Amino acid sequence: MKLSRKKTVMLSASIVILFAACSLLYTTSILWHLGHISPTSCPASVEFSDCEDYTLYDPIGTPDLNGRAFKTSIELDWPVTHRAGNYQIYRKHYWWQPYRLIKVTSEHRFVDTGLESGQQYSYYVVATATDDQSIHGKPSATIVLTPN
């Protein structure tokens, strides 16, 4: 039995669509298994129109960094971050300097002391996994504070 050209094109298109659907399903299952997507999460860092659908998310979390400046110190704090064990705190003093890791802590608060009054200091925090410091979330937003 010979297929018409129209039926051949429709069969070919169906095979391509089936292959694409299987590939998407396989990729989604792998990402879900590895913890890179969640079926119900809707993180603030990812904008999707339908949060009930599968969405990419940050498996450790991104700290929401807050800070207050005092005479010669700066106090940083952030809420608990999903699945984080420790927090790496980075600081730079001058605009031309790179950020340096100044503290690793399991606390949700840090006070940086002995700072120069009137000088700007920039900070950001990265949450890391409890059992593996090489697994980390996205860096927090940078904040700039000046002890006065």
Protein backbone atom coordinates (compact mmCIF):
# COMPACT_ATOMS: atom_id res chain seq x y z
CA MET A 1 0.00 0.00 0.00
CA LYS A 2 1.43 3.30 -1.08
CA LEU A 3 0.89 6.43 1.09
CA SER A 4 -0.05 9.70 -0.49
CA ARG A 5 2.31 12.66 -0.18
CA LYS A 6 -0.08 14.39 2.27
CA LYS A 7 -0.24 11.31 4.54
CA THR A 8 3.56 10.94 4.40
CA VAL A 9 4.05 14.57 5.48
CA MET A 10 1.51 14.17 8.32
CA LEU A 11 3.18 10.95 9.50
CA SER A 12 6.62 12.62 9.43
CA ALA A 13 5.33 15.62 11.39
CA SER A 14 3.74 13.29 13.96
CA ILE A 15 7.02 11.44 14.44
CA VAL A 16 8.92 14.73 14.94
CA ILE A 17 6.35 15.96 17.49
CA LEU A 18 6.45 12.62 19.34
CA PHE A 19 10.27 12.73 19.44
CA ALA A 20 10.25 16.32 20.77
CA ALA A 21 7.69 15.44 23.47
CA CYS A 22 9.73 12.40 24.60
CA SER A 23 12.91 14.49 24.72
CA LEU A 24 11.20 17.17 26.82
CA LEU A 25 9.76 14.57 29.19
CA TYR A 26 13.15 12.88 29.59
CA THR A 27 14.94 16.21 30.24
CA THR A 28 12.25 17.30 32.73
CA SER A 29 12.50 14.04 34.67
CA ILE A 30 16.30 14.29 34.87
CA LEU A 31 16.16 17.93 36.08
CA TRP A 32 13.47 17.10 38.62
CA HIS A 33 15.48 14.17 39.93
CA LEU A 34 18.59 16.34 40.28
CA GLY A 35 16.60 19.01 42.14
CA HIS A 36 16.83 21.72 39.49
CA ILE A 37 13.10 22.07 38.92
CA SER A 38 10.07 21.90 41.13
CA PRO A 39 6.48 21.31 40.06
CA THR A 40 4.95 23.82 42.49
CA SER A 41 7.59 26.42 43.29
CA CYS A 42 7.50 29.91 41.86
CA PRO A 43 10.71 31.65 42.93
CA ALA A 44 11.05 35.41 42.74
CA SER A 45 14.19 35.10 40.61
CA VAL A 46 12.33 33.40 37.75
CA GLU A 47 9.40 34.99 35.98
CA PHE A 48 6.90 32.50 34.60
CA SER A 49 3.28 33.10 33.76
CA ASP A 50 2.12 29.81 35.26
CA CYS A 51 3.66 28.95 38.62
CA GLU A 52 1.87 25.60 38.78
CA ASP A 53 3.93 24.43 35.83
CA TYR A 54 7.48 23.12 36.13
CA THR A 55 9.79 26.04 36.89
CA LEU A 56 13.53 26.31 37.27
CA TYR A 57 14.62 27.27 40.76
CA ASP A 58 17.66 27.77 42.91
CA PRO A 59 18.02 24.53 44.96
CA ILE A 60 19.83 26.19 47.89
CA GLY A 61 18.22 29.61 47.81
CA THR A 62 19.29 33.22 47.56
CA PRO A 63 19.72 35.16 50.81
CA ASP A 64 17.72 38.38 51.18
CA LEU A 65 20.52 40.50 52.64
CA ASN A 66 19.81 43.43 54.98
CA GLY A 67 22.30 45.66 56.76
CA ARG A 68 22.74 48.50 59.25
CA ALA A 69 25.76 50.74 59.72
CA PHE A 70 27.06 51.93 63.10
CA LYS A 71 30.09 54.06 64.08
CA THR A 72 32.82 51.49 63.27
CA SER A 73 30.82 48.38 62.43
CA ILE A 74 28.23 47.00 60.05
CA GLU A 75 25.60 44.44 60.99
CA LEU A 76 24.32 42.10 58.27
CA ASP A 77 21.36 39.75 58.57
CA TRP A 78 19.21 37.60 56.32
CA PRO A 79 16.31 35.16 56.77
CA VAL A 80 16.85 31.41 56.75
CA THR A 81 17.54 30.18 53.22
CA HIS A 82 16.02 26.93 51.92
CA ARG A 83 18.36 23.94 52.45
CA ALA A 84 21.37 26.11 53.34
CA GLY A 85 23.88 24.94 55.91
CA ASN A 86 26.36 27.79 55.83
CA TYR A 87 26.66 31.28 54.45
CA GLN A 88 29.74 32.78 52.79
CA ILE A 89 30.06 36.52 53.40
CA TYR A 90 31.99 38.58 50.86
CA ARG A 91 33.18 42.19 51.26
CA LYS A 92 35.08 44.82 49.36
CA HIS A 93 36.19 48.19 50.68
CA TYR A 94 37.31 50.16 47.65
CA TRP A 95 35.55 50.12 44.27
CA TRP A 96 38.66 48.81 42.51
CA GLN A 97 39.16 45.85 44.87
CA PRO A 98 37.72 42.41 44.18
CA TYR A 99 35.27 40.94 46.70
CA ARG A 100 36.98 38.76 49.31
CA LEU A 101 35.49 35.99 51.42
CA ILE A 102 35.63 37.31 54.99
CA LYS A 103 33.53 34.77 56.93
CA VAL A 104 31.75 31.42 56.64
CA THR A 105 29.02 30.99 59.23
CA SER A 106 25.93 28.92 59.95
CA GLU A 107 24.29 31.93 61.62
CA HIS A 108 21.87 34.30 59.91
CA ARG A 109 23.64 37.38 61.25
CA PHE A 110 27.16 38.80 61.07
CA VAL A 111 28.76 41.91 62.57
CA ASP A 112 31.80 43.29 60.75
CA THR A 113 33.82 45.31 63.29
CA GLY A 114 36.86 47.58 63.24
CA LEU A 115 35.75 49.47 60.12
CA GLU A 116 36.71 53.01 59.14
CA SER A 117 33.97 55.56 59.78
CA GLY A 118 32.91 57.43 56.63
CA GLN A 119 34.19 54.70 54.26
CA GLN A 120 31.88 52.62 52.04
CA TYR A 121 31.82 48.84 52.30
CA SER A 122 30.06 46.49 49.86
CA TYR A 123 28.76 43.05 50.82
CA TYR A 124 26.99 40.04 49.41
CA VAL A 125 26.19 36.60 50.85
CA VAL A 126 26.06 33.15 49.24
CA ALA A 127 24.21 30.21 50.83
CA THR A 128 25.94 26.83 50.63
CA ALA A 129 24.70 23.28 51.17
CA THR A 130 24.99 21.71 54.61
CA ASP A 131 27.14 18.79 53.49
CA ASP A 132 29.01 20.23 50.50
CA GLN A 133 30.38 23.79 50.40
CA SER A 134 30.88 23.53 46.62
CA ILE A 135 27.08 23.42 46.15
CA HIS A 136 25.79 26.95 46.53
CA GLY A 137 22.87 29.18 45.69
CA LYS A 138 22.85 32.44 43.81
CA PRO A 139 24.59 35.42 45.46
CA SER A 140 22.40 37.88 47.31
CA ALA A 141 21.97 41.39 46.01
CA THR A 142 24.95 43.59 46.86
CA ILE A 143 24.47 46.18 49.57
CA VAL A 144 26.69 49.20 50.21
CA LEU A 145 26.89 50.67 53.69
CA THR A 146 28.92 53.45 55.31
CA PRO A 147 29.76 53.44 59.03
CA ASN A 148 29.20 56.93 60.45
